[in-house]
Amino acid sequence: MMNKKDIGFYLVIVGLLVFLSSCQMGGSGYMSEEQREELETAYDSLQSNYKKLLTNYEGAMDTLPSDLQSLYNQMQKMHDDMDVSHRQMMTGNMGRHMQGDKMMAEGMGMHMQSHMTGEWYSQMMGMHDQMARMHQRMGQQNMARMNRRLSEEYGNMRRMIPGLDEPSETPFNEEGDPALLNGENLYSQNCSSCHGANAEGVSGAFPPLVDSEWVTGNKSVPIRILLHGLQGEIEVQEQQYQGSMPSFKARLSAAEIAAILNYLRGESEGSQTRISQEDVIQVAKRYNQRTRPWNTGELKINDGDNQ
């Protein structure tokens, strides 16, 4: 039986552990009430401007080229998917009254959910940036301005999410087998919104992935792009593209990343070696502290991976 002194010491230790857990939660995607309110206010403003944009598109749809009409339809689908992720993140941040291991597990889950939502914000930024450029080239200044504003609002909201500057773990399934997954379906669900149903890209906006040297070359390159994203200028099939691609690290498992890349490499000319889940795991471990997108100069540096 513990005496009063031992009980007092025990309570101090328990209190310290709870305090440390709470601190860890603060860095794992949990928001203060003030942060939640600030993000909700920003999101309400974005939704209002998004509805105004839709109204403008509905009035101008007959005048838009087919590729821009297609991007507009894809943008709406992406917005709906982003909205689901946003609401899941905000709902998770409302309930923080758990203790012990359950609290720690929930904290790790919220860290991943925050990264997923941050990835969606980044993807929406890239879509609106590209649509703004297309409208700019067409001389449609108002539509370009509205898309740029939405991109800026997504960027502002992304900066409000705590913990995005902390590395996140790639969701690995040690028993996963890319060969058992349908890479074409996974591509359609995650990539076709920007790069097209047949991975042939959108001219002047999003580059093709089939027969792209960034996909068919050194295995590490496309793995790193899907894990961390890509930003800046890139040349694909002698055409220049400018923009940003988000990370998919929080949304796709290692096996899913491998399955998508194997599908794209299989659709391309030539014979490329297949990418295994272990390939993805090894690259993710090598760059496990990276939290920013790659640029093409960095990707051209051989990191020692085999072809």
Protein backbone atom coordinates (compact mmCIF):
# COMPACT_ATOMS: atom_id res chain seq x y z
CA MET A 1 0.00 0.00 0.00
CA MET A 2 1.33 3.45 -0.92
CA ASN A 3 1.76 6.13 1.73
CA LYS A 4 0.62 9.72 1.26
CA LYS A 5 4.03 10.77 -0.05
CA ASP A 6 4.00 8.00 -2.67
CA ILE A 7 0.44 8.86 -3.67
CA GLY A 8 1.37 12.51 -4.08
CA PHE A 9 4.35 11.61 -6.27
CA TYR A 10 2.18 9.28 -8.34
CA LEU A 11 -0.41 12.00 -8.94
CA VAL A 12 2.30 14.43 -10.04
CA ILE A 13 3.61 11.90 -12.57
CA VAL A 14 0.09 11.23 -13.90
CA GLY A 15 -0.56 14.93 -14.19
CA LEU A 16 2.70 15.41 -16.08
CA LEU A 17 1.87 12.62 -18.51
CA VAL A 18 -1.56 14.11 -19.19
CA PHE A 19 0.06 17.51 -19.73
CA LEU A 20 2.62 16.07 -22.16
CA SER A 21 -0.14 14.24 -24.03
CA SER A 22 -2.06 17.47 -24.33
CA CYS A 23 1.04 19.23 -25.66
CA GLN A 24 1.50 16.49 -28.22
CA MET A 25 -2.12 16.87 -29.27
CA GLY A 26 -1.49 20.55 -29.88
CA GLY A 27 1.14 19.63 -32.45
CA SER A 28 -0.84 16.80 -34.02
CA GLY A 29 -3.57 18.62 -35.83
CA TYR A 30 -5.75 19.69 -32.92
CA MET A 31 -6.90 23.30 -32.95
CA SER A 32 -7.73 25.71 -30.21
CA GLU A 33 -11.26 27.09 -30.16
CA GLU A 34 -9.92 30.35 -31.54
CA GLN A 35 -8.17 28.52 -34.41
CA ARG A 36 -11.34 26.57 -35.22
CA GLU A 37 -13.44 29.73 -35.33
CA GLU A 38 -10.89 31.49 -37.51
CA LEU A 39 -10.80 28.59 -39.97
CA GLU A 40 -14.60 28.27 -40.03
CA THR A 41 -14.91 32.00 -40.80
CA ALA A 42 -12.39 31.66 -43.63
CA TYR A 43 -14.21 28.59 -44.97
CA ASP A 44 -17.57 30.38 -44.95
CA SER A 45 -16.01 33.19 -46.98
CA LEU A 46 -14.54 30.68 -49.44
CA GLN A 47 -17.89 28.93 -49.86
CA SER A 48 -19.57 32.25 -50.57
CA ASN A 49 -17.00 33.14 -53.25
CA TYR A 50 -17.20 29.61 -54.68
CA LYS A 51 -20.97 29.98 -55.18
CA LYS A 52 -20.41 33.30 -56.96
CA LEU A 53 -17.89 31.59 -59.24
CA LEU A 54 -20.38 28.82 -60.08
CA THR A 55 -23.00 31.42 -60.97
CA ASN A 56 -20.55 33.09 -63.35
CA TYR A 57 -19.64 29.77 -64.98
CA GLU A 58 -23.29 28.83 -65.47
CA GLY A 59 -23.83 32.07 -67.38
CA ALA A 60 -20.75 31.63 -69.55
CA MET A 61 -20.68 27.87 -70.12
CA ASP A 62 -21.63 28.05 -73.82
CA THR A 63 -18.66 30.32 -74.53
CA LEU A 64 -16.01 28.14 -72.87
CA PRO A 65 -13.76 25.73 -74.80
CA SER A 66 -14.28 22.04 -74.12
CA ASP A 67 -11.09 21.60 -72.05
CA LEU A 68 -12.12 24.41 -69.72
CA GLN A 69 -15.64 23.01 -69.43
CA SER A 70 -14.13 19.66 -68.46
CA LEU A 71 -11.93 21.26 -65.80
CA TYR A 72 -14.93 23.16 -64.46
CA ASN A 73 -16.85 19.90 -64.01
CA GLN A 74 -13.86 18.23 -62.37
CA MET A 75 -13.37 21.24 -60.10
CA GLN A 76 -16.88 20.79 -58.70
CA LYS A 77 -16.26 17.12 -57.94
CA MET A 78 -12.94 17.96 -56.27
CA HIS A 79 -14.63 20.68 -54.23
CA ASP A 80 -17.20 18.18 -52.94
CA ASP A 81 -14.47 15.70 -51.95
CA MET A 82 -12.48 18.49 -50.29
CA ASP A 83 -15.58 19.59 -48.37
CA VAL A 84 -15.99 16.08 -46.91
CA SER A 85 -12.36 16.04 -45.74
CA HIS A 86 -12.67 19.54 -44.29
CA ARG A 87 -15.79 18.67 -42.29
CA GLN A 88 -14.21 15.46 -40.97
CA MET A 89 -11.24 17.47 -39.76
CA MET A 90 -13.41 20.11 -38.11
CA THR A 91 -15.68 17.51 -36.47
CA GLY A 92 -12.64 15.68 -35.07
CA ASN A 93 -11.34 18.91 -33.60
CA MET A 94 -14.60 19.46 -31.70
CA GLY A 95 -14.24 16.46 -29.40
CA ARG A 96 -11.06 16.41 -27.32
CA HIS A 97 -12.27 14.98 -24.01
CA MET A 98 -10.56 11.59 -24.07
CA GLN A 99 -7.82 10.21 -21.90
CA GLY A 100 -4.86 7.84 -22.09
CA ASP A 101 -4.13 5.63 -25.08
CA LYS A 102 -7.41 6.49 -26.80
CA MET A 103 -6.51 10.16 -26.69
CA MET A 104 -3.05 9.46 -28.11
CA ALA A 105 -4.49 7.30 -30.91
CA GLU A 106 -7.07 9.95 -31.71
CA GLY A 107 -4.30 12.53 -31.80
CA MET A 108 -2.38 10.55 -34.41
CA GLY A 109 -5.58 10.12 -36.40
CA MET A 110 -6.25 13.84 -36.34
CA HIS A 111 -2.67 14.54 -37.43
CA MET A 112 -3.27 12.36 -40.51
CA GLN A 113 -6.71 13.90 -41.15
CA SER A 114 -5.22 17.38 -40.98
CA HIS A 115 -2.59 16.40 -43.54
CA MET A 116 -5.30 14.91 -45.78
CA THR A 117 -7.30 18.12 -45.66
CA GLY A 118 -4.16 20.16 -46.26
CA GLU A 119 -3.50 18.05 -49.36
CA TRP A 120 -7.01 18.79 -50.60
CA TYR A 121 -6.51 22.51 -50.05
CA SER A 122 -3.27 22.32 -52.06
CA GLN A 123 -5.01 20.41 -54.86
CA MET A 124 -7.77 23.02 -55.05
CA MET A 125 -5.14 25.79 -55.12
CA GLY A 126 -3.49 24.15 -58.12
CA MET A 127 -6.79 23.68 -59.96
CA HIS A 128 -7.91 27.29 -59.47
CA ASP A 129 -4.45 28.62 -60.40
CA GLN A 130 -4.52 26.74 -63.70
CA MET A 131 -8.08 27.81 -64.47
CA ALA A 132 -7.09 31.41 -63.74
CA ARG A 133 -4.21 31.14 -66.24
CA MET A 134 -6.51 29.73 -68.91
CA HIS A 135 -9.03 32.53 -68.43
CA GLN A 136 -6.20 35.07 -68.46
CA ARG A 137 -5.03 33.79 -71.86
CA MET A 138 -8.60 34.09 -73.14
CA GLY A 139 -8.86 37.69 -71.93
CA GLN A 140 -11.53 36.84 -69.34
CA GLN A 141 -10.12 38.96 -66.54
CA ASN A 142 -13.05 38.66 -64.13
CA MET A 143 -13.09 34.85 -64.24
CA ALA A 144 -9.31 34.78 -63.84
CA ARG A 145 -9.54 37.09 -60.83
CA MET A 146 -12.26 35.01 -59.15
CA ASN A 147 -10.24 31.80 -59.55
CA ARG A 148 -7.09 33.45 -58.22
CA ARG A 149 -9.00 34.68 -55.19
CA LEU A 150 -10.21 31.18 -54.39
CA SER A 151 -6.67 29.83 -54.74
CA GLU A 152 -5.43 32.48 -52.31
CA GLU A 153 -8.20 31.62 -49.84
CA TYR A 154 -7.25 27.94 -49.91
CA GLY A 155 -3.63 28.90 -49.28
CA ASN A 156 -4.68 31.04 -46.34
CA MET A 157 -6.74 28.20 -44.84
CA ARG A 158 -3.89 25.75 -45.31
CA ARG A 159 -1.66 28.01 -43.22
CA MET A 160 -4.29 27.93 -40.46
CA ILE A 161 -4.08 24.14 -39.99
CA PRO A 162 -1.68 23.30 -37.14
CA GLY A 163 0.90 20.57 -37.61
CA LEU A 164 1.30 20.66 -41.40
CA ASP A 165 4.95 21.59 -40.99
CA GLU A 166 5.45 18.30 -39.10
CA PRO A 167 6.24 15.14 -41.10
CA SER A 168 3.38 12.66 -41.46
CA GLU A 169 3.69 8.90 -41.76
CA THR A 170 2.74 7.20 -45.01
CA PRO A 171 -0.06 4.67 -44.27
CA PHE A 172 1.66 1.35 -44.93
CA ASN A 173 0.07 -2.08 -45.00
CA GLU A 174 2.85 -4.61 -44.59
CA GLU A 175 0.66 -7.22 -46.28
CA GLY A 176 -0.30 -4.89 -49.13
CA ASP A 177 0.22 -6.08 -52.68
CA PRO A 178 -0.03 -3.56 -55.55
CA ALA A 179 -0.75 -6.43 -57.95
CA LEU A 180 -4.08 -7.03 -56.16
CA LEU A 181 -5.17 -3.41 -56.60
CA ASN A 182 -6.73 -1.85 -59.68
CA GLY A 183 -4.28 0.87 -60.61
CA GLU A 184 -6.51 2.22 -63.37
CA ASN A 185 -9.42 2.74 -60.97
CA LEU A 186 -7.13 4.34 -58.40
CA TYR A 187 -5.79 6.67 -61.07
CA SER A 188 -9.33 7.59 -62.10
CA GLN A 189 -10.31 8.35 -58.50
CA ASN A 190 -7.25 10.38 -57.56
CA CYS A 191 -5.53 11.77 -60.66
CA SER A 192 -7.90 12.03 -63.63
CA SER A 193 -9.48 15.29 -62.42
CA CYS A 194 -6.35 17.14 -63.50
CA HIS A 195 -4.50 14.83 -65.87
CA GLY A 196 -7.48 13.51 -67.84
CA ALA A 197 -9.26 10.18 -68.09
CA ASN A 198 -6.51 8.70 -70.29
CA ALA A 199 -3.63 10.44 -68.48
CA GLU A 200 -2.97 12.52 -71.59
CA GLY A 201 -3.15 15.81 -69.69
CA VAL A 202 -4.81 19.15 -70.51
CA SER A 203 -2.81 21.23 -72.97
CA GLY A 204 -1.26 24.27 -71.33
CA ALA A 205 -2.63 23.38 -67.91
CA PHE A 206 -1.79 19.88 -66.66
CA PRO A 207 0.93 17.69 -68.21
CA PRO A 208 0.38 14.20 -69.63
CA LEU A 209 1.54 11.30 -67.48
CA VAL A 210 1.58 8.51 -70.07
CA ASP A 211 4.96 8.46 -71.85
CA SER A 212 6.27 11.15 -69.51
CA GLU A 213 9.91 10.73 -68.55
CA TRP A 214 8.97 11.87 -65.03
CA VAL A 215 6.85 8.72 -64.71
CA THR A 216 8.76 6.17 -66.75
CA GLY A 217 12.32 6.94 -65.59
CA ASN A 218 14.04 6.24 -62.27
CA LYS A 219 11.47 4.70 -59.93
CA SER A 220 12.29 7.12 -57.15
CA VAL A 221 11.18 10.16 -59.17
CA PRO A 222 7.43 9.45 -59.56
CA ILE A 223 7.34 7.97 -56.05
CA ARG A 224 8.76 11.18 -54.59
CA ILE A 225 6.31 13.29 -56.60
CA LEU A 226 3.29 11.37 -55.26
CA LEU A 227 4.66 11.36 -51.72
CA HIS A 228 5.52 15.05 -51.45
CA GLY A 229 4.13 16.87 -54.48
CA LEU A 230 5.78 18.99 -57.16
CA GLN A 231 5.97 22.75 -57.56
CA GLY A 232 7.29 25.11 -60.22
CA GLU A 233 8.08 24.74 -63.89
CA ILE A 234 8.30 21.36 -65.57
CA GLU A 235 8.89 20.30 -69.17
CA VAL A 236 6.97 17.29 -70.46
CA GLN A 237 7.19 16.12 -74.07
CA GLU A 238 8.83 19.42 -75.10
CA GLN A 239 6.04 21.53 -73.58
CA GLN A 240 6.40 23.77 -70.53
CA TYR A 241 3.95 23.65 -67.63
CA GLN A 242 3.77 25.85 -64.55
CA GLY A 243 1.93 25.07 -61.36
CA SER A 244 1.85 22.80 -58.36
CA MET A 245 0.85 19.21 -57.69
CA PRO A 246 -0.13 18.30 -54.13
CA SER A 247 1.22 15.50 -52.01
CA PHE A 248 -0.83 12.30 -51.80
CA LYS A 249 1.09 10.93 -48.84
CA ALA A 250 -1.85 11.12 -46.42
CA ARG A 251 -4.47 9.95 -48.91
CA LEU A 252 -2.80 6.93 -50.53
CA SER A 253 -1.12 3.89 -49.03
CA ALA A 254 2.26 2.67 -50.28
CA ALA A 255 0.57 -0.15 -52.21
CA GLU A 256 -1.88 2.28 -53.83
CA ILE A 257 0.95 4.60 -54.89
CA ALA A 258 2.77 1.65 -56.46
CA ALA A 259 -0.41 0.44 -58.22
CA ILE A 260 -1.10 3.86 -59.79
CA LEU A 261 2.48 4.26 -61.00
CA ASN A 262 2.58 0.73 -62.40
CA TYR A 263 -0.63 1.45 -64.33
CA LEU A 264 0.88 4.62 -65.83
CA ARG A 265 4.20 2.95 -66.60
CA GLY A 266 2.34 0.03 -68.19
CA GLU A 267 0.34 2.39 -70.43
CA SER A 268 3.55 4.07 -71.62
CA GLU A 269 5.80 3.00 -74.47
CA GLY A 270 8.73 0.74 -73.69
CA SER A 271 9.29 -1.72 -70.88
CA GLN A 272 9.62 -0.25 -67.39
CA THR A 273 10.43 -2.16 -64.23
CA ARG A 274 7.52 -2.51 -61.85
CA ILE A 275 7.35 -0.58 -58.62
CA SER A 276 6.76 -2.56 -55.43
CA GLN A 277 5.28 -1.46 -52.14
CA GLU A 278 8.75 -1.91 -50.66
CA ASP A 279 10.15 0.57 -53.20
CA VAL A 280 7.66 3.18 -51.95
CA ILE A 281 8.37 2.37 -48.31
CA GLN A 282 12.12 2.74 -48.79
CA VAL A 283 11.81 6.10 -50.57
CA ALA A 284 9.37 7.34 -47.91
CA LYS A 285 11.79 6.35 -45.14
CA ARG A 286 14.69 8.04 -46.91
CA TYR A 287 12.77 11.34 -47.06
CA ASN A 288 10.62 10.92 -43.95
CA GLN A 289 11.38 14.45 -42.70
CA ARG A 290 10.39 16.21 -45.91
CA THR A 291 7.31 18.45 -45.69
CA ARG A 292 7.62 20.55 -48.87
CA PRO A 293 7.09 19.76 -52.57
CA TRP A 294 9.94 18.86 -54.91
CA ASN A 295 11.11 20.92 -57.84
CA THR A 296 12.43 19.45 -61.08
CA GLY A 297 16.05 20.36 -60.28
CA GLU A 298 15.92 18.28 -57.11
CA LEU A 299 14.25 15.35 -58.86
CA LYS A 300 16.97 15.19 -61.50
CA ILE A 301 19.54 14.42 -58.82
CA ASN A 302 20.09 10.65 -58.71
CA ASP A 303 19.46 9.52 -55.13
CA GLY A 304 20.89 6.06 -55.62
CA ASP A 305 17.67 4.19 -56.43
CA ASN A 306 17.68 1.55 -59.13
CA GLN A 307 15.73 1.94 -62.34
